[in-house]
Amino acid sequence: MTVEQFIAGAIQFAREKRPEAEEDFKSAQKMAAVSSVPAEMRELGRIIQRVMLGDRNVDVSSLPREWVEMIERMKGEG
């Protein structure tokens, strides 16, 4: 699974309240908490958790532009 697939799936599953959302949320928690994960991925995990919880104003400025664009687009579809 690519990062882009994870972002899209996690946000979509959370919006649809699908069972897969819980798994993706746990994956995002792990990404955010494990110090051996690269900083950019830890930040993505933190942001995805917030978005999945419904935070539409989460600061995504620390992420690569293509990820930001995808997150903003996915948030806007809800």
N, C-alpha and C. Protein backbone atom coordinates (compact mmCIF):
# COMPACT_ATOMS: atom_id res chain seq x y z
N MET A 1 0.85 -1.18 0.00
CA MET A 1 0.00 0.00 0.00
C MET A 1 0.90 1.24 0.00
N THR A 2 0.58 2.18 -0.86
CA THR A 2 1.34 3.42 -0.91
C THR A 2 0.82 4.39 0.16
N VAL A 3 1.59 5.42 0.41
CA VAL A 3 1.16 6.45 1.36
C VAL A 3 -0.14 7.09 0.88
N GLU A 4 -0.22 7.35 -0.40
CA GLU A 4 -1.41 7.97 -0.96
C GLU A 4 -2.64 7.08 -0.78
N GLN A 5 -2.47 5.78 -0.96
CA GLN A 5 -3.58 4.84 -0.75
C GLN A 5 -4.01 4.83 0.71
N PHE A 6 -3.03 4.89 1.62
CA PHE A 6 -3.34 4.92 3.05
C PHE A 6 -4.13 6.18 3.40
N ILE A 7 -3.67 7.32 2.93
CA ILE A 7 -4.35 8.59 3.20
C ILE A 7 -5.79 8.53 2.71
N ALA A 8 -5.96 8.16 1.45
CA ALA A 8 -7.30 8.13 0.86
C ALA A 8 -8.20 7.14 1.57
N GLY A 9 -7.68 5.95 1.82
CA GLY A 9 -8.49 4.92 2.46
C GLY A 9 -8.88 5.29 3.87
N ALA A 10 -7.92 5.78 4.65
CA ALA A 10 -8.20 6.12 6.05
C ALA A 10 -9.28 7.19 6.15
N ILE A 11 -9.15 8.23 5.36
CA ILE A 11 -10.13 9.32 5.42
C ILE A 11 -11.49 8.85 4.91
N GLN A 12 -11.50 8.11 3.83
CA GLN A 12 -12.76 7.60 3.26
C GLN A 12 -13.45 6.65 4.23
N PHE A 13 -12.70 5.72 4.80
CA PHE A 13 -13.28 4.75 5.73
C PHE A 13 -13.85 5.45 6.96
N ALA A 14 -13.13 6.45 7.47
CA ALA A 14 -13.61 7.18 8.64
C ALA A 14 -14.90 7.93 8.31
N ARG A 15 -14.93 8.56 7.15
CA ARG A 15 -16.12 9.31 6.74
C ARG A 15 -17.33 8.38 6.61
N GLU A 16 -17.09 7.18 6.09
CA GLU A 16 -18.17 6.22 5.89
C GLU A 16 -18.44 5.36 7.12
N LYS A 17 -17.64 5.58 8.18
CA LYS A 17 -17.76 4.81 9.42
C LYS A 17 -17.66 3.31 9.17
N ARG A 18 -16.72 2.95 8.30
CA ARG A 18 -16.52 1.54 7.96
C ARG A 18 -15.60 0.89 8.99
N PRO A 19 -15.71 -0.43 9.18
CA PRO A 19 -14.87 -1.13 10.16
C PRO A 19 -13.37 -0.95 9.91
N GLU A 20 -13.00 -0.80 8.66
CA GLU A 20 -11.58 -0.63 8.32
C GLU A 20 -10.99 0.64 8.95
N ALA A 21 -11.83 1.59 9.27
CA ALA A 21 -11.35 2.86 9.84
C ALA A 21 -10.61 2.62 11.15
N GLU A 22 -11.10 1.69 11.96
CA GLU A 22 -10.44 1.42 13.24
C GLU A 22 -9.02 0.90 13.02
N GLU A 23 -8.85 0.02 12.04
CA GLU A 23 -7.51 -0.49 11.73
C GLU A 23 -6.60 0.62 11.25
N ASP A 24 -7.11 1.48 10.37
CA ASP A 24 -6.30 2.58 9.86
C ASP A 24 -5.96 3.57 10.97
N PHE A 25 -6.90 3.82 11.89
CA PHE A 25 -6.63 4.73 12.99
C PHE A 25 -5.51 4.16 13.87
N LYS A 26 -5.57 2.86 14.14
CA LYS A 26 -4.51 2.22 14.93
C LYS A 26 -3.17 2.29 14.21
N SER A 27 -3.19 2.11 12.90
CA SER A 27 -1.95 2.22 12.11
C SER A 27 -1.39 3.63 12.20
N ALA A 28 -2.27 4.63 12.12
CA ALA A 28 -1.83 6.02 12.23
C ALA A 28 -1.26 6.29 13.61
N GLN A 29 -1.88 5.73 14.65
CA GLN A 29 -1.36 5.90 16.02
C GLN A 29 0.04 5.34 16.13
N LYS A 30 0.25 4.15 15.58
CA LYS A 30 1.57 3.52 15.62
C LYS A 30 2.58 4.37 14.86
N MET A 31 2.19 4.83 13.68
CA MET A 31 3.09 5.68 12.88
C MET A 31 3.53 6.89 13.69
N ALA A 32 2.60 7.50 14.40
CA ALA A 32 2.88 8.73 15.14
C ALA A 32 3.73 8.47 16.37
N ALA A 33 3.68 7.28 16.93
CA ALA A 33 4.30 7.01 18.22
C ALA A 33 5.67 6.34 18.16
N VAL A 34 5.99 5.66 17.09
CA VAL A 34 7.22 4.87 17.03
C VAL A 34 8.38 5.75 16.59
N SER A 35 9.36 5.88 17.47
CA SER A 35 10.48 6.78 17.20
C SER A 35 11.34 6.35 16.02
N SER A 36 11.31 5.07 15.66
CA SER A 36 12.11 4.62 14.52
C SER A 36 11.46 4.94 13.17
N VAL A 37 10.21 5.38 13.20
CA VAL A 37 9.52 5.79 11.98
C VAL A 37 10.05 7.17 11.59
N PRO A 38 10.33 7.41 10.31
CA PRO A 38 10.82 8.74 9.90
C PRO A 38 9.86 9.86 10.36
N ALA A 39 10.43 11.00 10.69
CA ALA A 39 9.66 12.13 11.24
C ALA A 39 8.48 12.51 10.34
N GLU A 40 8.68 12.52 9.05
CA GLU A 40 7.60 12.88 8.12
C GLU A 40 6.42 11.91 8.23
N MET A 41 6.70 10.64 8.42
CA MET A 41 5.65 9.64 8.56
C MET A 41 4.98 9.73 9.93
N ARG A 42 5.77 10.05 10.97
CA ARG A 42 5.16 10.26 12.30
C ARG A 42 4.18 11.42 12.25
N GLU A 43 4.58 12.49 11.59
CA GLU A 43 3.70 13.65 11.45
C GLU A 43 2.45 13.29 10.64
N LEU A 44 2.60 12.52 9.58
CA LEU A 44 1.45 12.07 8.81
C LEU A 44 0.50 11.26 9.69
N GLY A 45 1.04 10.37 10.50
CA GLY A 45 0.21 9.58 11.41
C GLY A 45 -0.58 10.47 12.35
N ARG A 46 0.07 11.47 12.90
CA ARG A 46 -0.60 12.40 13.82
C ARG A 46 -1.73 13.14 13.10
N ILE A 47 -1.45 13.62 11.91
CA ILE A 47 -2.44 14.38 11.14
C ILE A 47 -3.60 13.50 10.71
N ILE A 48 -3.32 12.29 10.23
CA ILE A 48 -4.39 11.40 9.80
C ILE A 48 -5.32 11.08 10.97
N GLN A 49 -4.77 10.87 12.15
CA GLN A 49 -5.62 10.63 13.32
C GLN A 49 -6.58 11.79 13.53
N ARG A 50 -6.05 13.00 13.48
CA ARG A 50 -6.89 14.19 13.70
C ARG A 50 -7.97 14.31 12.63
N VAL A 51 -7.60 14.08 11.38
CA VAL A 51 -8.57 14.17 10.29
C VAL A 51 -9.65 13.10 10.46
N MET A 52 -9.23 11.89 10.83
CA MET A 52 -10.19 10.81 11.01
C MET A 52 -11.16 11.10 12.16
N LEU A 53 -10.72 11.88 13.13
CA LEU A 53 -11.58 12.26 14.25
C LEU A 53 -12.47 13.45 13.90
N GLY A 54 -12.32 13.97 12.69
CA GLY A 54 -13.19 15.04 12.23
C GLY A 54 -12.62 16.44 12.32
N ASP A 55 -11.35 16.58 12.66
CA ASP A 55 -10.71 17.90 12.74
C ASP A 55 -10.48 18.42 11.33
N ARG A 56 -11.27 19.40 10.93
CA ARG A 56 -11.16 19.94 9.58
C ARG A 56 -10.15 21.09 9.51
N ASN A 57 -9.58 21.47 10.65
CA ASN A 57 -8.64 22.59 10.68
C ASN A 57 -7.23 22.16 11.08
N VAL A 58 -6.93 20.89 10.98
CA VAL A 58 -5.61 20.40 11.36
C VAL A 58 -4.54 21.04 10.46
N ASP A 59 -3.42 21.41 11.06
CA ASP A 59 -2.31 22.03 10.34
C ASP A 59 -1.54 20.95 9.58
N VAL A 60 -1.57 21.02 8.27
CA VAL A 60 -0.89 20.03 7.42
C VAL A 60 0.36 20.62 6.75
N SER A 61 0.75 21.81 7.15
CA SER A 61 1.82 22.53 6.46
C SER A 61 3.18 21.83 6.53
N SER A 62 3.36 20.91 7.44
CA SER A 62 4.65 20.23 7.57
C SER A 62 4.80 19.04 6.62
N LEU A 63 3.73 18.70 5.92
CA LEU A 63 3.76 17.55 5.01
C LEU A 63 4.11 17.96 3.59
N PRO A 64 4.56 17.00 2.78
CA PRO A 64 4.82 17.29 1.37
C PRO A 64 3.55 17.78 0.67
N ARG A 65 3.71 18.65 -0.28
CA ARG A 65 2.59 19.29 -0.95
C ARG A 65 1.59 18.30 -1.54
N GLU A 66 2.09 17.23 -2.16
CA GLU A 66 1.16 16.27 -2.77
C GLU A 66 0.29 15.57 -1.71
N TRP A 67 0.83 15.35 -0.51
CA TRP A 67 0.03 14.76 0.56
C TRP A 67 -0.98 15.77 1.08
N VAL A 68 -0.54 17.02 1.21
CA VAL A 68 -1.44 18.09 1.67
C VAL A 68 -2.62 18.22 0.72
N GLU A 69 -2.32 18.25 -0.57
CA GLU A 69 -3.39 18.38 -1.57
C GLU A 69 -4.37 17.23 -1.48
N MET A 70 -3.86 16.02 -1.29
CA MET A 70 -4.73 14.87 -1.19
C MET A 70 -5.60 14.93 0.08
N ILE A 71 -5.00 15.28 1.20
CA ILE A 71 -5.75 15.39 2.45
C ILE A 71 -6.81 16.45 2.34
N GLU A 72 -6.46 17.60 1.80
CA GLU A 72 -7.45 18.69 1.66
C GLU A 72 -8.58 18.27 0.73
N ARG A 73 -8.26 17.60 -0.35
CA ARG A 73 -9.28 17.14 -1.29
C ARG A 73 -10.20 16.12 -0.62
N MET A 74 -9.63 15.18 0.12
CA MET A 74 -10.42 14.16 0.79
C MET A 74 -11.30 14.77 1.89
N LYS A 75 -10.77 15.74 2.62
CA LYS A 75 -11.57 16.40 3.66
C LYS A 75 -12.74 17.14 3.02
N GLY A 76 -12.51 17.74 1.85
CA GLY A 76 -13.54 18.50 1.19
C GLY A 76 -14.67 17.66 0.61
N GLU A 77 -14.41 16.37 0.42
CA GLU A 77 -15.42 15.48 -0.15
C GLU A 77 -16.45 15.07 0.88
N GLY A 78 -16.16 15.28 2.15
CA GLY A 78 -17.05 14.80 3.20
C GLY A 78 -18.23 15.71 3.46
